[in-house]
C-alpha cells in the first residue's frame, strides 16, 4: 500500500474500481471480480465505504487514491462531483484531484475552479476543506489574489488555514527561495493585520523573507506601525531576514524604532533583527542602544558577546546567544 502511484500504473484505474471493496480488510473474503466501467462516482463510493475500514494503512491509501487517479478520470464528472459535494472530507479530496490535474499539466484551469468555489462557498467548513487541497502546491502562482482575499475572510478558521498554506508552501514547495511566494505571504499578512493580528503575526514569524521584493519590504516597515505588539514584533522579525539590497533601510528603521517602542517583547525582537542584519558590524549600534532601556541591558550584552565570536552563520549565532543566557 505504500507505493500508490506504481500500483495505479500497474493495475489501471478500471481494475481499482472493483478491487477497492476487496481491500478493506485482509480478513474478509475477496468478492468476485467483475468488469465494470470506472467512474468518479463509483470511485468515491468505494472510498466512502473504505473509510470505515479498521486498517489505518488502507485508509491512508484511500486518501491518496483519488488524487493519484485524477489525470485519468473523466474531467466533466470530476468537476460535477466537486461542485455538488457537501461532505467536507470528500470535498477536500475531490479538490485535491482537481489540483493534481493542474499540477501535472492535465488541466491548467482545474485549480482555478477550486479557488472559485472557495471564494463563493458560504459554508466555512467547505472553504477550509478546499483550502487544504491547495496546501504544498503551486497555488500562490495559479490562484491570483486568493490568499490576500482570504486574509479578510469572515471565518477565523479559514484565515488560519490560509496562513498554514502560505507557511507550508514557502517551506516545503519553495524552500524559502521563491520571491513571489514570499511576497504573497507578506501581502496576505498585511491584509490580515487590521482584523486578525494572530494570523498576520503567524505568517510573518514563519515565512522566509530572504527573497522578498522592495515593495514587500516597504509593507513590512509599514506593519511596524501596527497598534498590535505581536504584529510589530513579527514585522521586525521578518525584516531581519530581508535581501541584501533591503538591509540598509531595514536596519535604519529598526534602530530608529527601538528608542520609542514601548513594548519589551517588541524591543527584544528589534535587537535580534538588528543583530541579524549586521552580524559583527551591528555591535557599535547595539552598544549605543544599551542605555535606552536598562532592563534590556543584559539582552544587549548577550548579543554583543555572541556577535563578537565572529561566527558567519546566523543559526550558530542564535545558538551561542541562547547558550550564554542559559549558562549559570
Protein backbone atom coordinates (compact mmCIF):
# COMPACT_ATOMS: atom_id res chain seq x y z
CA UNK A 1 0.00 0.00 0.00
CA UNK A 2 2.96 2.36 0.26
CA UNK A 3 3.59 2.57 -3.49
CA UNK A 4 0.31 4.00 -4.64
CA UNK A 5 1.47 5.58 -7.95
CA UNK A 6 3.20 2.38 -9.01
CA UNK A 7 0.15 0.33 -8.04
CA UNK A 8 -2.13 2.57 -10.04
CA UNK A 9 0.06 2.30 -13.11
CA UNK A 10 0.32 -1.46 -12.80
CA UNK A 11 -3.34 -2.24 -12.23
CA UNK A 12 -5.02 0.56 -14.12
CA UNK A 13 -7.88 2.65 -12.83
CA UNK A 14 -10.54 0.27 -14.12
CA UNK A 15 -9.10 -2.53 -12.02
CA UNK A 16 -9.05 -0.29 -8.97
CA UNK A 17 -12.78 0.35 -9.29
CA UNK A 18 -13.63 -3.25 -8.44
CA UNK A 19 -10.54 -4.03 -6.35
CA UNK A 20 -11.24 -1.35 -3.74
CA UNK A 21 -14.03 -3.19 -1.88
CA UNK A 22 -11.92 -6.33 -1.55
CA UNK A 23 -9.04 -4.48 0.07
CA UNK A 24 -10.94 -3.09 3.07
CA UNK A 25 -9.92 -5.91 5.35
CA UNK A 26 -7.42 -8.69 4.91
CA UNK A 27 -9.68 -10.96 6.99
CA UNK A 28 -12.70 -10.55 4.72
CA UNK A 29 -13.18 -12.87 1.72
CA UNK A 30 -12.50 -11.12 -1.57
CA UNK A 31 -15.60 -10.51 -3.67
CA UNK A 32 -15.88 -11.93 -7.15
CA UNK A 33 -14.21 -9.53 -9.57
CA UNK A 34 -16.43 -8.30 -12.35
CA UNK A 35 -15.86 -5.98 -15.25
CA UNK A 36 -17.27 -2.51 -14.78
CA UNK A 37 -16.76 0.98 -16.08
CA UNK A 38 -14.77 3.21 -13.79
CA UNK A 39 -16.45 6.48 -12.88
CA UNK A 40 -15.84 9.27 -10.41
CA UNK A 41 -18.99 8.34 -8.52
CA UNK A 42 -18.04 4.67 -8.34
CA UNK A 43 -14.58 5.52 -7.07
CA UNK A 44 -16.00 7.94 -4.49
CA UNK A 45 -18.50 5.36 -3.26
CA UNK A 46 -15.66 2.89 -2.79
CA UNK A 47 -13.64 5.48 -0.90
CA UNK A 48 -16.58 6.33 1.37
CA UNK A 49 -17.08 2.66 2.20
CA UNK A 50 -13.37 2.11 2.73
CA UNK A 51 -13.14 4.94 5.25
CA UNK A 52 -14.94 2.68 7.72
CA UNK A 53 -12.12 0.14 7.48
CA UNK A 54 -10.19 -0.70 10.65
CA UNK A 55 -6.97 -0.67 8.67
CA UNK A 56 -5.14 2.67 9.05
CA UNK A 57 -2.82 1.72 6.21
CA UNK A 58 -5.77 1.19 3.91
CA UNK A 59 -7.37 4.49 4.92
CA UNK A 60 -4.09 6.26 4.29
CA UNK A 61 -4.00 4.64 0.89
CA UNK A 62 -7.52 5.86 0.16
CA UNK A 63 -6.55 9.43 0.98
CA UNK A 64 -4.13 9.43 -1.95
CA UNK A 65 -6.14 7.32 -4.38
CA UNK A 66 -8.44 9.98 -5.83
CA UNK A 67 -5.59 12.45 -6.22
CA UNK A 68 -3.36 9.89 -7.92
CA UNK A 69 -6.23 8.89 -10.22
CA UNK A 70 -7.04 12.47 -11.19
CA UNK A 71 -5.41 12.63 -14.59
CA UNK A 72 -7.25 9.52 -15.81
CA UNK A 73 -10.71 10.39 -14.50
CA UNK A 74 -13.36 11.96 -16.77
CA UNK A 75 -12.90 15.70 -16.34
CA UNK A 76 -16.58 16.63 -16.59
CA UNK A 77 -17.55 14.00 -13.99
CA UNK A 78 -14.84 15.14 -11.60
CA UNK A 79 -15.85 18.78 -11.85
CA UNK A 80 -19.54 17.99 -11.43
CA UNK A 81 -18.85 15.79 -8.41
CA UNK A 82 -16.80 18.54 -6.78
CA UNK A 83 -19.46 21.19 -7.42
CA UNK A 84 -22.27 19.21 -5.78
CA UNK A 85 -20.33 17.53 -2.92
CA UNK A 86 -21.16 18.82 0.57
CA UNK A 87 -19.24 16.42 2.82
CA UNK A 88 -16.04 18.25 3.90
CA UNK A 89 -13.88 15.12 3.73
CA UNK A 90 -14.93 14.33 0.17
CA UNK A 91 -14.79 18.00 -0.86
CA UNK A 92 -11.16 18.09 0.22
CA UNK A 93 -10.24 15.02 -1.78
CA UNK A 94 -12.19 15.97 -4.88
CA UNK A 95 -10.49 19.38 -4.72
CA UNK A 96 -7.13 17.63 -4.36
CA UNK A 97 -7.87 15.65 -7.52
CA UNK A 98 -8.60 18.84 -9.43
CA UNK A 99 -5.47 20.49 -8.06
CA UNK A 100 -3.46 17.45 -9.13
CA UNK A 101 -4.73 17.85 -12.68
CA UNK A 102 -3.24 21.34 -12.83
CA UNK A 103 -0.03 20.33 -11.04
CA UNK A 104 0.55 17.52 -13.55
CA UNK A 105 -0.21 19.57 -16.64
CA UNK A 106 -3.50 17.83 -17.46
CA UNK A 107 -5.76 20.86 -16.98
CA UNK A 108 -4.42 24.35 -16.24
CA UNK A 109 -7.87 25.60 -15.24
CA UNK A 110 -8.75 22.92 -12.67
CA UNK A 111 -7.01 24.63 -9.75
CA UNK A 112 -8.82 27.83 -10.62
CA UNK A 113 -12.11 26.01 -10.21
CA UNK A 114 -11.13 25.13 -6.65
CA UNK A 115 -10.19 28.74 -5.94
CA UNK A 116 -13.51 29.91 -7.39
CA UNK A 117 -15.51 27.63 -5.10
CA UNK A 118 -13.51 28.74 -2.07
CA UNK A 119 -14.43 32.37 -2.77
CA UNK A 120 -18.08 31.63 -3.48
CA UNK A 121 -18.76 28.89 -0.89
CA UNK A 122 -20.89 30.02 2.08
CA UNK A 123 -20.00 27.17 4.44
CA UNK A 124 -16.67 27.88 6.20
CA UNK A 125 -16.09 24.15 6.74
CA UNK A 126 -16.19 23.58 2.99
CA UNK A 127 -13.95 26.58 2.32
CA UNK A 128 -11.45 25.10 4.77
CA UNK A 129 -11.72 21.66 3.14
CA UNK A 130 -10.94 23.04 -0.31
CA UNK A 131 -8.11 25.15 1.09
CA UNK A 132 -6.42 22.05 2.49
CA UNK A 133 -6.29 20.64 -1.03
CA UNK A 134 -4.19 23.63 -2.13
CA UNK A 135 -1.56 23.08 0.55
CA UNK A 136 2.01 22.39 -0.60
CA UNK A 137 1.13 23.13 -4.22
CA UNK A 138 1.76 25.95 -6.70
CA UNK A 139 -1.44 27.70 -5.62
CA UNK A 140 0.27 31.04 -5.00
CA UNK A 141 1.22 31.05 -8.70
CA UNK A 142 -2.10 29.79 -10.04
CA UNK A 143 -4.87 31.38 -7.96
CA UNK A 144 -4.27 35.11 -8.31
CA UNK A 145 -5.08 37.12 -5.19
CA UNK A 146 -6.93 34.26 -3.48
CA UNK A 147 -4.84 34.26 -0.30
CA UNK A 148 -4.93 38.04 0.06
CA UNK A 149 -8.73 37.91 -0.15
CA UNK A 150 -8.93 35.03 2.31
CA UNK A 151 -6.84 37.01 4.78
CA UNK A 152 -10.00 39.10 5.23
CA UNK A 153 -12.38 36.13 5.33
CA UNK A 154 -15.12 36.33 7.96
CA UNK A 155 -14.17 32.92 9.35
CA UNK A 156 -11.14 32.70 11.68
CA UNK A 157 -10.76 29.02 10.71
CA UNK A 158 -10.43 29.98 7.05
CA UNK A 159 -7.89 32.67 7.89
CA UNK A 160 -5.82 30.21 9.91
CA UNK A 161 -5.97 27.63 7.11
CA UNK A 162 -4.85 30.27 4.64
CA UNK A 163 -1.88 31.09 6.87
CA UNK A 164 -0.93 27.41 7.14
CA UNK A 165 -0.97 27.08 3.35
CA UNK A 166 1.29 30.08 2.85
CA UNK A 167 3.73 28.93 5.52
CA UNK A 168 3.95 25.33 4.30
CA UNK A 169 4.16 26.32 0.61
CA UNK A 170 7.02 28.66 1.44
CA UNK A 171 8.86 25.94 3.35
CA UNK A 172 8.09 22.71 1.53
CA UNK A 173 7.45 23.80 -2.07
CA UNK A 174 9.88 26.68 -2.43
CA UNK A 175 12.33 26.12 0.46
CA UNK A 176 12.17 29.84 1.19
CA UNK A 177 13.83 30.69 -2.13
CA UNK A 178 10.89 31.89 -4.25
CA UNK A 179 10.37 35.64 -4.09
CA UNK A 180 6.79 35.73 -5.44
CA UNK A 181 5.62 33.16 -2.86
CA UNK A 182 7.20 35.18 -0.05
CA UNK A 183 5.68 38.38 -1.46
CA UNK A 184 2.25 36.72 -1.48
CA UNK A 185 2.72 35.80 2.18
CA UNK A 186 3.69 39.35 3.15
CA UNK A 187 0.75 40.76 1.19
CA UNK A 188 -1.66 38.38 2.93
CA UNK A 189 -0.18 39.22 6.33
CA UNK A 190 -0.60 42.93 5.64
CA UNK A 191 -4.21 42.30 4.59
CA UNK A 192 -4.89 40.36 7.80
CA UNK A 193 -3.12 42.76 10.15
CA UNK A 194 -6.07 45.06 10.80
CA UNK A 195 -8.60 42.30 11.54
CA UNK A 196 -6.60 39.25 12.66
CA UNK A 197 -3.32 40.12 14.31
CA UNK A 198 -2.63 36.50 15.26
CA UNK A 199 -2.77 35.36 11.64
CA UNK A 200 -0.63 38.25 10.44
CA UNK A 201 2.00 37.61 13.10
CA UNK A 202 1.97 33.86 12.48
CA UNK A 203 2.67 34.31 8.78
CA UNK A 204 5.47 36.82 9.30
CA UNK A 205 7.12 34.75 12.01
CA UNK A 206 7.23 31.62 9.83
CA UNK A 207 7.93 32.74 6.26
CA UNK A 208 11.40 33.32 4.86
CA UNK A 209 11.89 36.88 3.60
CA UNK A 210 15.34 36.46 2.07
CA UNK A 211 13.99 36.95 -1.47
CA UNK A 212 11.15 39.44 -0.99
CA UNK A 213 10.73 42.46 -3.24
CA UNK A 214 11.33 46.08 -2.28
CA UNK A 215 7.54 46.58 -2.19
CA UNK A 216 7.18 43.77 0.35
CA UNK A 217 9.98 45.22 2.46
CA UNK A 218 8.06 48.51 2.47
CA UNK A 219 4.92 46.65 3.59
CA UNK A 220 6.86 45.13 6.47
CA UNK A 221 8.07 48.55 7.53
CA UNK A 222 4.51 49.85 7.47
CA UNK A 223 3.47 46.97 9.75
CA UNK A 224 5.94 48.24 12.34
CA UNK A 225 3.36 50.95 12.98
CA UNK A 226 0.62 48.46 13.85
CA UNK A 227 -1.30 49.02 17.07
CA UNK A 228 -0.79 45.35 17.91
CA UNK A 229 2.52 44.47 19.56
CA UNK A 230 2.55 40.94 18.14
CA UNK A 231 2.34 42.31 14.59
CA UNK A 232 5.10 44.83 15.26
CA UNK A 233 7.33 42.10 16.69
CA UNK A 234 6.65 39.76 13.77
CA UNK A 235 7.31 42.50 11.23
CA UNK A 236 10.60 43.30 12.97
CA UNK A 237 11.47 39.61 12.91
CA UNK A 238 10.72 39.39 9.18
CA UNK A 239 12.79 42.48 8.42
CA UNK A 240 15.81 40.76 9.95
CA UNK A 241 15.91 38.36 7.01
CA UNK A 242 15.42 40.68 4.04
CA UNK A 243 17.69 40.59 0.94
CA UNK A 244 20.99 42.46 0.99
CA UNK A 245 19.64 45.36 -1.07
CA UNK A 246 16.94 45.95 1.57
CA UNK A 247 19.18 45.60 4.61
CA UNK A 248 20.36 49.18 5.00
CA UNK A 249 16.87 50.66 5.01
CA UNK A 250 15.57 47.96 7.33
CA UNK A 251 18.44 48.48 9.75
CA UNK A 252 17.91 52.24 9.96
CA UNK A 253 14.18 51.79 10.51
CA UNK A 254 14.66 49.26 13.30
CA UNK A 255 17.31 51.37 15.05
CA UNK A 256 15.04 54.42 14.99
CA UNK A 257 12.07 52.41 16.22
CA UNK A 258 13.90 50.97 19.23
CA UNK A 259 14.04 54.23 21.15
CA UNK A 260 10.29 54.87 21.02
CA UNK A 261 8.94 51.31 21.19
CA UNK A 262 7.00 50.82 24.46
CA UNK A 263 6.73 47.02 24.42
CA UNK A 264 9.60 44.99 25.88
CA UNK A 265 8.89 41.95 23.70
CA UNK A 266 8.99 44.04 20.55
CA UNK A 267 12.22 45.68 21.70
CA UNK A 268 13.82 42.25 22.14
CA UNK A 269 12.86 41.34 18.58
CA UNK A 270 14.24 44.65 17.32
CA UNK A 271 17.58 43.82 18.94
CA UNK A 272 17.58 40.38 17.34
CA UNK A 273 16.89 41.72 13.86
CA UNK A 274 19.47 44.49 14.21
CA UNK A 275 21.99 41.79 15.12
CA UNK A 276 20.89 39.61 12.19
CA UNK A 277 21.18 42.45 9.69
CA UNK A 278 24.66 43.45 10.79
CA UNK A 279 26.37 40.45 12.42
CA UNK A 280 29.61 41.76 13.99
CA UNK A 281 29.02 45.09 12.27
CA UNK A 282 25.97 45.61 14.46
CA UNK A 283 28.00 45.71 17.69
CA UNK A 284 28.52 49.52 17.69
CA UNK A 285 24.80 50.07 17.11
CA UNK A 286 23.90 47.74 19.96
CA UNK A 287 26.37 49.46 22.26
CA UNK A 288 24.67 52.79 21.56
CA UNK A 289 21.27 51.29 22.36
CA UNK A 290 22.39 49.73 25.63
CA UNK A 291 21.38 52.67 27.81
CA UNK A 292 17.97 53.25 26.23
CA UNK A 293 16.28 50.57 28.34
CA UNK A 294 18.33 49.49 31.39
CA UNK A 295 16.11 46.43 31.87
CA UNK A 296 17.28 45.12 28.49
CA UNK A 297 20.98 45.82 29.03
CA UNK A 298 21.68 42.10 29.72
CA UNK A 299 19.94 41.22 26.43
CA UNK A 300 22.08 43.72 24.56
CA UNK A 301 25.23 42.39 26.24
CA UNK A 302 24.34 38.82 25.26
CA UNK A 303 24.00 39.84 21.62
CA UNK A 304 27.29 41.74 21.72
CA UNK A 305 29.12 38.72 23.13
CA UNK A 306 27.57 36.33 20.62
CA UNK A 307 28.33 38.59 17.66
CA UNK A 308 31.85 39.11 18.94
CA UNK A 309 32.63 35.44 18.35
CA UNK A 310 32.87 36.19 14.63
CA UNK A 311 30.58 33.35 13.54
CA UNK A 312 29.32 33.57 9.95
CA UNK A 313 26.12 31.51 10.26
CA UNK A 314 23.06 33.13 11.81
CA UNK A 315 21.86 29.82 13.26
CA UNK A 316 25.18 29.45 15.08
CA UNK A 317 24.99 32.98 16.44
CA UNK A 318 21.48 32.32 17.74
CA UNK A 319 22.61 29.10 19.36
CA UNK A 320 25.55 30.75 21.10
CA UNK A 321 23.44 33.65 22.32
CA UNK A 322 20.90 31.25 23.81
CA UNK A 323 23.66 29.17 25.38
CA UNK A 324 25.19 32.23 27.01
CA UNK A 325 21.88 33.28 28.52
CA UNK A 326 21.19 29.78 29.85
CA UNK A 327 24.63 29.38 31.43
CA UNK A 328 24.68 29.80 35.25
